[in-house]
Amino acid sequence: MGILLQNKKVGLALLCDNAPYTLAMTLASYGRSGLLGYFDEACAVFPESAVKVRETALSHGLSAVAAPVEGGFIGALHTAVNALDTDYVLLAEDDCMIWEHLRGENLEKQLKRALDLLISGQADMVRLRHAWRGCTRYKAAYTYSYFYPVEQLATMWVHAEGLSEAPDWIKSIRRFFHPLRSKRSIGRCVYVEQNPHLCFPQYITKIDEGYIIDSEVFQWTNQPTLIARSRIRQILTGLEQMSGSIGKLPQDFEHAVNSPRWRNAHMNIGVIRGIFT
């Protein structure tokens, strides 16, 4: 029996580097927010030589599963999916802390909303990084603003990353010379535009407290994502069928997933307020 929903089990998989201090900080934020109490299973997947990472995970009540180093990031994902016996899994890296002001009822509301979108079929996956607290590491909004003028800045935007200040005619030229790159950045407008669904109605649908974006214009990233375990298995199987080898780094996995197959699948990606920094 599930904790969040009676007939569905939800797991948390933390994909870890050999960085026990980072993991300890992340798990401490989970402890303060009570996050782990919402999952039926929680595991940390760590490089098999990272003994201190294993000890850190176990000390915070997670199971710890070693992944062969030679398998890289994609091997760790396989390990995570196989380690959990749940219907859905929240995939996150070991530096994804909970937004510091999120607690109790608000946290549960975000998790249940994400599950509702998956179970109802409105979304194939839901991103749970806090949507309007931008992060320079990802440059989510900047990439969009590099190609497109921001028509109306979202009232929730907190200016946590810079936006391109180039004039509109320069952005138009950029779109002309980089049609594929610019199109793939369209989905990022949900982080910075007040009405992204009006800017790109063919790709973006407004829902309660968020948006559904077509994968044609929204790339996979390794940001915290709630997804059906069967769906991530499907993605991994698709990569196995691709010709050529895939690198071991997280960005290699992102590059491999973001192929024409991803764009042509027209999967529905949910973005709600979110819980992670």
C-alpha atoms as a PDB file:
ATOM      1  CA  MET A   1       0.000   0.000   0.000  1.00  0.00           C
ATOM      2  CA  GLY A   2       1.406   3.383  -0.980  1.00  0.00           C
ATOM      3  CA  ILE A   3       2.012   6.246   1.419  1.00  0.00           C
ATOM      4  CA  LEU A   4       1.011   9.088  -0.888  1.00  0.00           C
ATOM      5  CA  LEU A   5      -1.696   7.100  -2.698  1.00  0.00           C
ATOM      6  CA  GLN A   6      -3.184   3.883  -1.386  1.00  0.00           C
ATOM      7  CA  ASN A   7      -2.863   1.855  -4.567  1.00  0.00           C
ATOM      8  CA  LYS A   8       0.433   3.268  -5.923  1.00  0.00           C
ATOM      9  CA  LYS A   9       3.944   2.948  -4.539  1.00  0.00           C
ATOM     10  CA  VAL A  10       6.452   5.744  -5.006  1.00  0.00           C
ATOM     11  CA  GLY A  11      10.213   5.475  -4.591  1.00  0.00           C
ATOM     12  CA  LEU A  12      13.106   7.916  -4.361  1.00  0.00           C
ATOM     13  CA  ALA A  13      16.402   7.171  -6.116  1.00  0.00           C
ATOM     14  CA  LEU A  14      19.366   9.418  -5.362  1.00  0.00           C
ATOM     15  CA  LEU A  15      22.160   9.108  -7.910  1.00  0.00           C
ATOM     16  CA  CYS A  16      25.392   9.808  -6.048  1.00  0.00           C
ATOM     17  CA  ASP A  17      28.952  10.748  -6.847  1.00  0.00           C
ATOM     18  CA  ASN A  18      31.768  10.001  -4.425  1.00  0.00           C
ATOM     19  CA  ALA A  19      30.811  13.053  -2.356  1.00  0.00           C
ATOM     20  CA  PRO A  20      29.631  12.041   1.121  1.00  0.00           C
ATOM     21  CA  TYR A  21      29.551  15.610   2.461  1.00  0.00           C
ATOM     22  CA  THR A  22      27.275  16.750  -0.397  1.00  0.00           C
ATOM     23  CA  LEU A  23      24.987  13.782   0.198  1.00  0.00           C
ATOM     24  CA  ALA A  24      24.902  14.499   3.945  1.00  0.00           C
ATOM     25  CA  MET A  25      23.849  18.109   3.307  1.00  0.00           C
ATOM     26  CA  THR A  26      21.138  16.985   0.899  1.00  0.00           C
ATOM     27  CA  LEU A  27      19.774  14.333   3.237  1.00  0.00           C
ATOM     28  CA  ALA A  28      19.799  16.809   6.111  1.00  0.00           C
ATOM     29  CA  SER A  29      17.508  19.058   4.061  1.00  0.00           C
ATOM     30  CA  TYR A  30      15.235  16.066   3.458  1.00  0.00           C
ATOM     31  CA  GLY A  31      15.178  15.399   7.179  1.00  0.00           C
ATOM     32  CA  ARG A  32      14.197  18.980   8.008  1.00  0.00           C
ATOM     33  CA  SER A  33      11.361  18.922   5.465  1.00  0.00           C
ATOM     34  CA  GLY A  34      10.168  15.385   6.213  1.00  0.00           C
ATOM     35  CA  LEU A  35      10.527  14.413   2.547  1.00  0.00           C
ATOM     36  CA  LEU A  36      11.611  10.811   3.077  1.00  0.00           C
ATOM     37  CA  GLY A  37       8.414  10.055   4.983  1.00  0.00           C
ATOM     38  CA  TYR A  38       6.410  10.352   1.757  1.00  0.00           C
ATOM     39  CA  PHE A  39       8.168   7.517  -0.059  1.00  0.00           C
ATOM     40  CA  ASP A  40       7.518   3.810   0.158  1.00  0.00           C
ATOM     41  CA  GLU A  41      11.150   3.083  -0.686  1.00  0.00           C
ATOM     42  CA  ALA A  42      14.253   5.262  -0.878  1.00  0.00           C
ATOM     43  CA  CYS A  43      17.714   4.300  -2.053  1.00  0.00           C
ATOM     44  CA  ALA A  44      21.048   5.913  -2.787  1.00  0.00           C
ATOM     45  CA  VAL A  45      22.934   4.527  -5.777  1.00  0.00           C
ATOM     46  CA  PHE A  46      26.657   5.077  -5.358  1.00  0.00           C
ATOM     47  CA  PRO A  47      29.937   4.136  -7.084  1.00  0.00           C
ATOM     48  CA  GLU A  48      30.966   0.780  -5.658  1.00  0.00           C
ATOM     49  CA  SER A  49      34.207   2.198  -4.239  1.00  0.00           C
ATOM     50  CA  ALA A  50      32.485   5.079  -2.375  1.00  0.00           C
ATOM     51  CA  VAL A  51      32.317   3.515   1.087  1.00  0.00           C
ATOM     52  CA  LYS A  52      31.623   6.786   2.933  1.00  0.00           C
ATOM     53  CA  VAL A  53      28.701   7.570   0.630  1.00  0.00           C
ATOM     54  CA  ARG A  54      27.200   4.205   1.508  1.00  0.00           C
ATOM     55  CA  GLU A  55      27.657   4.868   5.227  1.00  0.00           C
ATOM     56  CA  THR A  56      26.075   8.321   4.899  1.00  0.00           C
ATOM     57  CA  ALA A  57      23.022   6.958   3.098  1.00  0.00           C
ATOM     58  CA  LEU A  58      22.506   4.166   5.621  1.00  0.00           C
ATOM     59  CA  SER A  59      22.858   6.559   8.552  1.00  0.00           C
ATOM     60  CA  HIS A  60      19.935   8.604   7.176  1.00  0.00           C
ATOM     61  CA  GLY A  61      17.686   5.591   6.726  1.00  0.00           C
ATOM     62  CA  LEU A  62      18.099   4.989   2.995  1.00  0.00           C
ATOM     63  CA  SER A  63      19.086   1.717   1.462  1.00  0.00           C
ATOM     64  CA  ALA A  64      22.395   1.898  -0.396  1.00  0.00           C
ATOM     65  CA  VAL A  65      23.030   0.114  -3.679  1.00  0.00           C
ATOM     66  CA  ALA A  66      26.416   0.003  -5.395  1.00  0.00           C
ATOM     67  CA  ALA A  67      26.655   0.571  -9.139  1.00  0.00           C
ATOM     68  CA  PRO A  68      29.698  -0.588 -11.122  1.00  0.00           C
ATOM     69  CA  VAL A  69      31.947   2.370 -11.912  1.00  0.00           C
ATOM     70  CA  GLU A  70      32.411   1.255 -15.497  1.00  0.00           C
ATOM     71  CA  GLY A  71      28.664   1.617 -16.096  1.00  0.00           C
ATOM     72  CA  GLY A  72      28.753   5.372 -15.570  1.00  0.00           C
ATOM     73  CA  PHE A  73      25.610   7.431 -15.117  1.00  0.00           C
ATOM     74  CA  ILE A  74      23.440   5.232 -17.308  1.00  0.00           C
ATOM     75  CA  GLY A  75      24.552   2.179 -15.327  1.00  0.00           C
ATOM     76  CA  ALA A  76      23.566   3.942 -12.116  1.00  0.00           C
ATOM     77  CA  LEU A  77      20.126   4.613 -13.579  1.00  0.00           C
ATOM     78  CA  HIS A  78      19.720   0.938 -14.463  1.00  0.00           C
ATOM     79  CA  THR A  79      20.741   0.035 -10.916  1.00  0.00           C
ATOM     80  CA  ALA A  80      18.259   2.503  -9.422  1.00  0.00           C
ATOM     81  CA  VAL A  81      15.343   1.283 -11.516  1.00  0.00           C
ATOM     82  CA  ASN A  82      16.077  -2.334 -10.656  1.00  0.00           C
ATOM     83  CA  ALA A  83      16.602  -1.642  -6.947  1.00  0.00           C
ATOM     84  CA  LEU A  84      13.155  -0.119  -6.392  1.00  0.00           C
ATOM     85  CA  ASP A  85       9.932  -2.115  -6.439  1.00  0.00           C
ATOM     86  CA  THR A  86       7.592   0.828  -6.953  1.00  0.00           C
ATOM     87  CA  ASP A  87       5.163   2.122  -9.571  1.00  0.00           C
ATOM     88  CA  TYR A  88       6.801   5.542  -9.758  1.00  0.00           C
ATOM     89  CA  VAL A  89      10.259   6.830  -8.994  1.00  0.00           C
ATOM     90  CA  LEU A  90      11.594  10.276  -8.220  1.00  0.00           C
ATOM     91  CA  LEU A  91      15.044  10.490  -9.785  1.00  0.00           C
ATOM     92  CA  ALA A  92      17.419  13.081  -8.356  1.00  0.00           C
ATOM     93  CA  GLU A  93      21.129  13.674  -8.057  1.00  0.00           C
ATOM     94  CA  ASP A  94      22.841  13.876  -4.699  1.00  0.00           C
ATOM     95  CA  ASP A  95      23.108  17.683  -4.648  1.00  0.00           C
ATOM     96  CA  CYS A  96      19.369  18.327  -5.073  1.00  0.00           C
ATOM     97  CA  MET A  97      18.284  19.821  -1.777  1.00  0.00           C
ATOM     98  CA  ILE A  98      14.734  20.735  -0.793  1.00  0.00           C
ATOM     99  CA  TRP A  99      13.785  24.386  -1.117  1.00  0.00           C
ATOM    100  CA  GLU A 100      14.383  25.633   2.412  1.00  0.00           C
ATOM    101  CA  HIS A 101      10.922  27.141   3.004  1.00  0.00           C
ATOM    102  CA  LEU A 102       8.970  24.048   1.942  1.00  0.00           C
ATOM    103  CA  ARG A 103       7.382  21.963   4.691  1.00  0.00           C
ATOM    104  CA  GLY A 104       4.467  19.717   5.588  1.00  0.00           C
ATOM    105  CA  GLU A 105       1.233  20.395   3.758  1.00  0.00           C
ATOM    106  CA  ASN A 106       2.840  22.381   0.935  1.00  0.00           C
ATOM    107  CA  LEU A 107       5.403  19.657   0.296  1.00  0.00           C
ATOM    108  CA  GLU A 108       2.752  16.936   0.261  1.00  0.00           C
ATOM    109  CA  LYS A 109       0.589  19.026  -2.065  1.00  0.00           C
ATOM    110  CA  GLN A 110       3.372  19.273  -4.653  1.00  0.00           C
ATOM    111  CA  LEU A 111       4.119  15.554  -4.536  1.00  0.00           C
ATOM    112  CA  LYS A 112       0.459  14.573  -4.826  1.00  0.00           C
ATOM    113  CA  ARG A 113      -0.085  17.042  -7.667  1.00  0.00           C
ATOM    114  CA  ALA A 114       2.806  15.510  -9.586  1.00  0.00           C
ATOM    115  CA  LEU A 115       1.415  12.014  -9.019  1.00  0.00           C
ATOM    116  CA  ASP A 116      -2.051  13.084 -10.101  1.00  0.00           C
ATOM    117  CA  LEU A 117      -0.651  14.329 -13.407  1.00  0.00           C
ATOM    118  CA  LEU A 118       1.056  10.990 -14.031  1.00  0.00           C
ATOM    119  CA  ILE A 119      -1.854   8.795 -12.990  1.00  0.00           C
ATOM    120  CA  SER A 120      -4.395  10.812 -14.978  1.00  0.00           C
ATOM    121  CA  GLY A 121      -2.242  10.566 -18.098  1.00  0.00           C
ATOM    122  CA  GLN A 122      -1.862  14.327 -18.415  1.00  0.00           C
ATOM    123  CA  ALA A 123       1.908  14.027 -18.053  1.00  0.00           C
ATOM    124  CA  ASP A 124       4.460  11.333 -18.861  1.00  0.00           C
ATOM    125  CA  MET A 125       6.884  12.820 -16.342  1.00  0.00           C
ATOM    126  CA  VAL A 126       6.902  15.794 -13.979  1.00  0.00           C
ATOM    127  CA  ARG A 127       9.876  17.982 -13.153  1.00  0.00           C
ATOM    128  CA  LEU A 128      10.170  18.892  -9.506  1.00  0.00           C
ATOM    129  CA  ARG A 129      12.934  21.476  -9.423  1.00  0.00           C
ATOM    130  CA  HIS A 130      11.421  24.712  -8.113  1.00  0.00           C
ATOM    131  CA  ALA A 131      10.193  26.293 -11.334  1.00  0.00           C
ATOM    132  CA  TRP A 132      10.754  29.979 -10.635  1.00  0.00           C
ATOM    133  CA  ARG A 133      13.889  29.940  -8.516  1.00  0.00           C
ATOM    134  CA  GLY A 134      16.327  29.889 -11.414  1.00  0.00           C
ATOM    135  CA  CYS A 135      19.778  28.406 -11.052  1.00  0.00           C
ATOM    136  CA  THR A 136      22.870  29.501 -12.969  1.00  0.00           C
ATOM    137  CA  ARG A 137      23.955  25.884 -13.195  1.00  0.00           C
ATOM    138  CA  TYR A 138      21.095  25.078 -15.582  1.00  0.00           C
ATOM    139  CA  LYS A 139      20.619  28.477 -17.295  1.00  0.00           C
ATOM    140  CA  ALA A 140      17.078  27.415 -18.058  1.00  0.00           C
ATOM    141  CA  ALA A 141      15.667  30.878 -18.592  1.00  0.00           C
ATOM    142  CA  TYR A 142      18.781  32.408 -20.126  1.00  0.00           C
ATOM    143  CA  THR A 143      18.831  29.842 -22.929  1.00  0.00           C
ATOM    144  CA  TYR A 144      15.259  30.739 -23.855  1.00  0.00           C
ATOM    145  CA  SER A 145      15.940  34.479 -23.672  1.00  0.00           C
ATOM    146  CA  TYR A 146      19.010  34.056 -25.884  1.00  0.00           C
ATOM    147  CA  PHE A 147      16.705  33.210 -28.781  1.00  0.00           C
ATOM    148  CA  TYR A 148      13.386  34.816 -27.850  1.00  0.00           C
ATOM    149  CA  PRO A 149      12.313  38.148 -26.354  1.00  0.00           C
ATOM    150  CA  VAL A 150      10.548  37.766 -23.010  1.00  0.00           C
ATOM    151  CA  GLU A 151       7.099  39.195 -23.672  1.00  0.00           C
ATOM    152  CA  GLN A 152       5.985  39.512 -20.049  1.00  0.00           C
ATOM    153  CA  LEU A 153       8.260  38.558 -17.189  1.00  0.00           C
ATOM    154  CA  ALA A 154       6.584  36.076 -14.832  1.00  0.00           C
ATOM    155  CA  THR A 155       5.572  37.628 -11.536  1.00  0.00           C
ATOM    156  CA  MET A 156       7.012  34.570  -9.763  1.00  0.00           C
ATOM    157  CA  TRP A 157      10.454  35.011 -11.337  1.00  0.00           C
ATOM    158  CA  VAL A 158      13.057  35.892  -8.723  1.00  0.00           C
ATOM    159  CA  HIS A 159      15.936  36.884 -11.024  1.00  0.00           C
ATOM    160  CA  ALA A 160      18.167  34.075  -9.817  1.00  0.00           C
ATOM    161  CA  GLU A 161      19.875  33.916 -13.214  1.00  0.00           C
ATOM    162  CA  GLY A 162      20.571  36.568 -15.834  1.00  0.00           C
ATOM    163  CA  LEU A 163      18.613  36.944 -19.062  1.00  0.00           C
ATOM    164  CA  SER A 164      19.922  37.918 -22.465  1.00  0.00           C
ATOM    165  CA  GLU A 165      19.738  41.655 -23.055  1.00  0.00           C
ATOM    166  CA  ALA A 166      20.282  41.427 -26.810  1.00  0.00           C
ATOM    167  CA  PRO A 167      17.803  43.398 -28.943  1.00  0.00           C
ATOM    168  CA  ASP A 168      14.926  41.528 -30.561  1.00  0.00           C
ATOM    169  CA  TRP A 169      16.409  41.774 -34.063  1.00  0.00           C
ATOM    170  CA  ILE A 170      19.560  39.988 -32.891  1.00  0.00           C
ATOM    171  CA  LYS A 171      17.439  37.217 -31.366  1.00  0.00           C
ATOM    172  CA  SER A 172      15.537  36.924 -34.641  1.00  0.00           C
ATOM    173  CA  ILE A 173      18.822  36.413 -36.486  1.00  0.00           C
ATOM    174  CA  ARG A 174      19.870  33.792 -33.943  1.00  0.00           C
ATOM    175  CA  ARG A 175      16.633  31.875 -34.547  1.00  0.00           C
ATOM    176  CA  PHE A 176      17.161  32.079 -38.300  1.00  0.00           C
ATOM    177  CA  PHE A 177      20.654  30.618 -38.171  1.00  0.00           C
ATOM    178  CA  HIS A 178      19.906  28.102 -35.389  1.00  0.00           C
ATOM    179  CA  PRO A 179      16.347  26.879 -36.042  1.00  0.00           C
ATOM    180  CA  LEU A 180      16.689  23.541 -34.232  1.00  0.00           C
ATOM    181  CA  ARG A 181      18.499  24.901 -31.174  1.00  0.00           C
ATOM    182  CA  SER A 182      16.043  27.753 -30.819  1.00  0.00           C
ATOM    183  CA  LYS A 183      13.035  25.460 -31.169  1.00  0.00           C
ATOM    184  CA  ARG A 184      14.382  23.116 -28.509  1.00  0.00           C
ATOM    185  CA  SER A 185      14.617  26.059 -26.104  1.00  0.00           C
ATOM    186  CA  ILE A 186      10.932  27.012 -26.385  1.00  0.00           C
ATOM    187  CA  GLY A 187       9.849  24.853 -23.463  1.00  0.00           C
ATOM    188  CA  ARG A 188      12.112  26.789 -21.111  1.00  0.00           C
ATOM    189  CA  CYS A 189       9.832  29.801 -21.440  1.00  0.00           C
ATOM    190  CA  VAL A 190       7.644  28.318 -18.691  1.00  0.00           C
ATOM    191  CA  TYR A 191      10.293  29.429 -16.206  1.00  0.00           C
ATOM    192  CA  VAL A 192      10.247  33.087 -17.150  1.00  0.00           C
ATOM    193  CA  GLU A 193       7.172  34.038 -19.225  1.00  0.00           C
ATOM    194  CA  GLN A 194       3.991  35.068 -17.444  1.00  0.00           C
ATOM    195  CA  ASN A 195       1.803  33.368 -20.091  1.00  0.00           C
ATOM    196  CA  PRO A 196       3.922  30.772 -21.915  1.00  0.00           C
ATOM    197  CA  HIS A 197       0.808  28.935 -23.093  1.00  0.00           C
ATOM    198  CA  LEU A 198      -0.241  32.049 -25.008  1.00  0.00           C
ATOM    199  CA  CYS A 199       3.229  32.512 -26.496  1.00  0.00           C
ATOM    200  CA  PHE A 200       3.394  28.924 -27.805  1.00  0.00           C
ATOM    201  CA  PRO A 201      -0.105  27.383 -27.625  1.00  0.00           C
ATOM    202  CA  GLN A 202       0.809  24.564 -30.017  1.00  0.00           C
ATOM    203  CA  TYR A 203       3.395  23.237 -27.557  1.00  0.00           C
ATOM    204  CA  ILE A 204       2.357  24.377 -24.074  1.00  0.00           C
ATOM    205  CA  THR A 205      -0.878  23.805 -22.143  1.00  0.00           C
ATOM    206  CA  LYS A 206      -1.710  25.588 -18.919  1.00  0.00           C
ATOM    207  CA  ILE A 207      -2.871  23.447 -15.997  1.00  0.00           C
ATOM    208  CA  ASP A 208      -3.573  24.219 -12.376  1.00  0.00           C
ATOM    209  CA  GLU A 209      -0.369  25.707 -10.929  1.00  0.00           C
ATOM    210  CA  GLY A 210       1.784  24.696 -13.882  1.00  0.00           C
ATOM    211  CA  TYR A 211       2.141  23.640 -17.500  1.00  0.00           C
ATOM    212  CA  ILE A 212       2.372  20.633 -19.787  1.00  0.00           C
ATOM    213  CA  ILE A 213       5.072  20.941 -22.450  1.00  0.00           C
ATOM    214  CA  ASP A 214       5.576  18.853 -25.596  1.00  0.00           C
ATOM    215  CA  SER A 215       8.938  17.062 -25.652  1.00  0.00           C
ATOM    216  CA  GLU A 216       9.411  18.386 -29.187  1.00  0.00           C
ATOM    217  CA  VAL A 217      10.438  21.696 -27.605  1.00  0.00           C
ATOM    218  CA  PHE A 218      11.560  20.587 -24.138  1.00  0.00           C
ATOM    219  CA  GLN A 219      14.674  18.515 -23.658  1.00  0.00           C
ATOM    220  CA  TRP A 220      15.304  15.832 -21.078  1.00  0.00           C
ATOM    221  CA  THR A 221      17.522  17.023 -18.256  1.00  0.00           C
ATOM    222  CA  ASN A 222      18.785  15.188 -15.185  1.00  0.00           C
ATOM    223  CA  GLN A 223      16.909  17.579 -12.933  1.00  0.00           C
ATOM    224  CA  PRO A 224      14.662  15.933 -10.283  1.00  0.00           C
ATOM    225  CA  THR A 225      11.903  14.158 -12.174  1.00  0.00           C
ATOM    226  CA  LEU A 226       8.973  12.028 -11.052  1.00  0.00           C
ATOM    227  CA  ILE A 227       8.321   9.350 -13.625  1.00  0.00           C
ATOM    228  CA  ALA A 228       6.733   5.913 -13.927  1.00  0.00           C
ATOM    229  CA  ARG A 229       9.343   3.219 -13.442  1.00  0.00           C
ATOM    230  CA  SER A 230       8.086   1.574 -16.634  1.00  0.00           C
ATOM    231  CA  ARG A 231       8.639   4.850 -18.524  1.00  0.00           C
ATOM    232  CA  ILE A 232      12.265   5.269 -17.469  1.00  0.00           C
ATOM    233  CA  ARG A 233      12.821   1.609 -18.345  1.00  0.00           C
ATOM    234  CA  GLN A 234      11.402   2.390 -21.780  1.00  0.00           C
ATOM    235  CA  ILE A 235      13.834   5.291 -22.204  1.00  0.00           C
ATOM    236  CA  LEU A 236      16.782   3.134 -21.143  1.00  0.00           C
ATOM    237  CA  THR A 237      15.735   0.347 -23.513  1.00  0.00           C
ATOM    238  CA  GLY A 238      15.518   2.843 -26.350  1.00  0.00           C
ATOM    239  CA  LEU A 239      19.097   3.937 -25.688  1.00  0.00           C
ATOM    240  CA  GLU A 240      20.286   0.325 -25.805  1.00  0.00           C
ATOM    241  CA  GLN A 241      18.869   0.083 -29.320  1.00  0.00           C
ATOM    242  CA  MET A 242      20.828   3.093 -30.546  1.00  0.00           C
ATOM    243  CA  SER A 243      23.975   2.574 -32.558  1.00  0.00           C
ATOM    244  CA  GLY A 244      27.258   3.703 -31.073  1.00  0.00           C
ATOM    245  CA  SER A 245      28.366   3.963 -27.478  1.00  0.00           C
ATOM    246  CA  ILE A 246      27.152   6.397 -24.832  1.00  0.00           C
ATOM    247  CA  GLY A 247      29.617   8.136 -22.529  1.00  0.00           C
ATOM    248  CA  LYS A 248      29.628   7.655 -18.782  1.00  0.00           C
ATOM    249  CA  LEU A 249      28.898  11.214 -17.642  1.00  0.00           C
ATOM    250  CA  PRO A 250      25.452  12.611 -16.740  1.00  0.00           C
ATOM    251  CA  GLN A 251      25.616  15.041 -19.669  1.00  0.00           C
ATOM    252  CA  ASP A 252      26.338  12.120 -22.016  1.00  0.00           C
ATOM    253  CA  PHE A 253      23.045  10.571 -20.943  1.00  0.00           C
ATOM    254  CA  GLU A 254      21.216  13.854 -21.553  1.00  0.00           C
ATOM    255  CA  HIS A 255      22.749  14.169 -25.009  1.00  0.00           C
ATOM    256  CA  ALA A 256      21.790  10.603 -25.923  1.00  0.00           C
ATOM    257  CA  VAL A 257      18.174  10.972 -24.775  1.00  0.00           C
ATOM    258  CA  ASN A 258      17.681  14.271 -26.599  1.00  0.00           C
ATOM    259  CA  SER A 259      17.605  12.680 -30.018  1.00  0.00           C
ATOM    260  CA  PRO A 260      15.025  12.985 -32.812  1.00  0.00           C
ATOM    261  CA  ARG A 261      13.295  10.010 -31.198  1.00  0.00           C
ATOM    262  CA  TRP A 262      12.691  12.094 -28.038  1.00  0.00           C
ATOM    263  CA  ARG A 263      11.348  15.050 -29.999  1.00  0.00           C
ATOM    264  CA  ASN A 264       9.141  12.900 -32.224  1.00  0.00           C
ATOM    265  CA  ALA A 265       7.662  11.016 -29.259  1.00  0.00           C
ATOM    266  CA  HIS A 266       5.700  14.142 -28.231  1.00  0.00           C
ATOM    267  CA  MET A 267       5.755  13.153 -24.595  1.00  0.00           C
ATOM    268  CA  ASN A 268       4.004  15.428 -22.148  1.00  0.00           C
ATOM    269  CA  ILE A 269       6.330  16.938 -19.557  1.00  0.00           C
ATOM    270  CA  GLY A 270       4.763  18.528 -16.504  1.00  0.00           C
ATOM    271  CA  VAL A 271       6.258  21.538 -14.766  1.00  0.00           C
ATOM    272  CA  ILE A 272       4.713  22.617 -11.463  1.00  0.00           C
ATOM    273  CA  ARG A 273       5.981  24.850  -8.682  1.00  0.00           C
ATOM    274  CA  GLY A 274       8.336  22.093  -7.523  1.00  0.00           C
ATOM    275  CA  ILE A 275      10.253  21.366  -4.354  1.00  0.00           C
ATOM    276  CA  PHE A 276      13.991  21.221  -5.115  1.00  0.00           C
ATOM    277  CA  THR A 277      16.551  24.021  -5.409  1.00  0.00           C
END
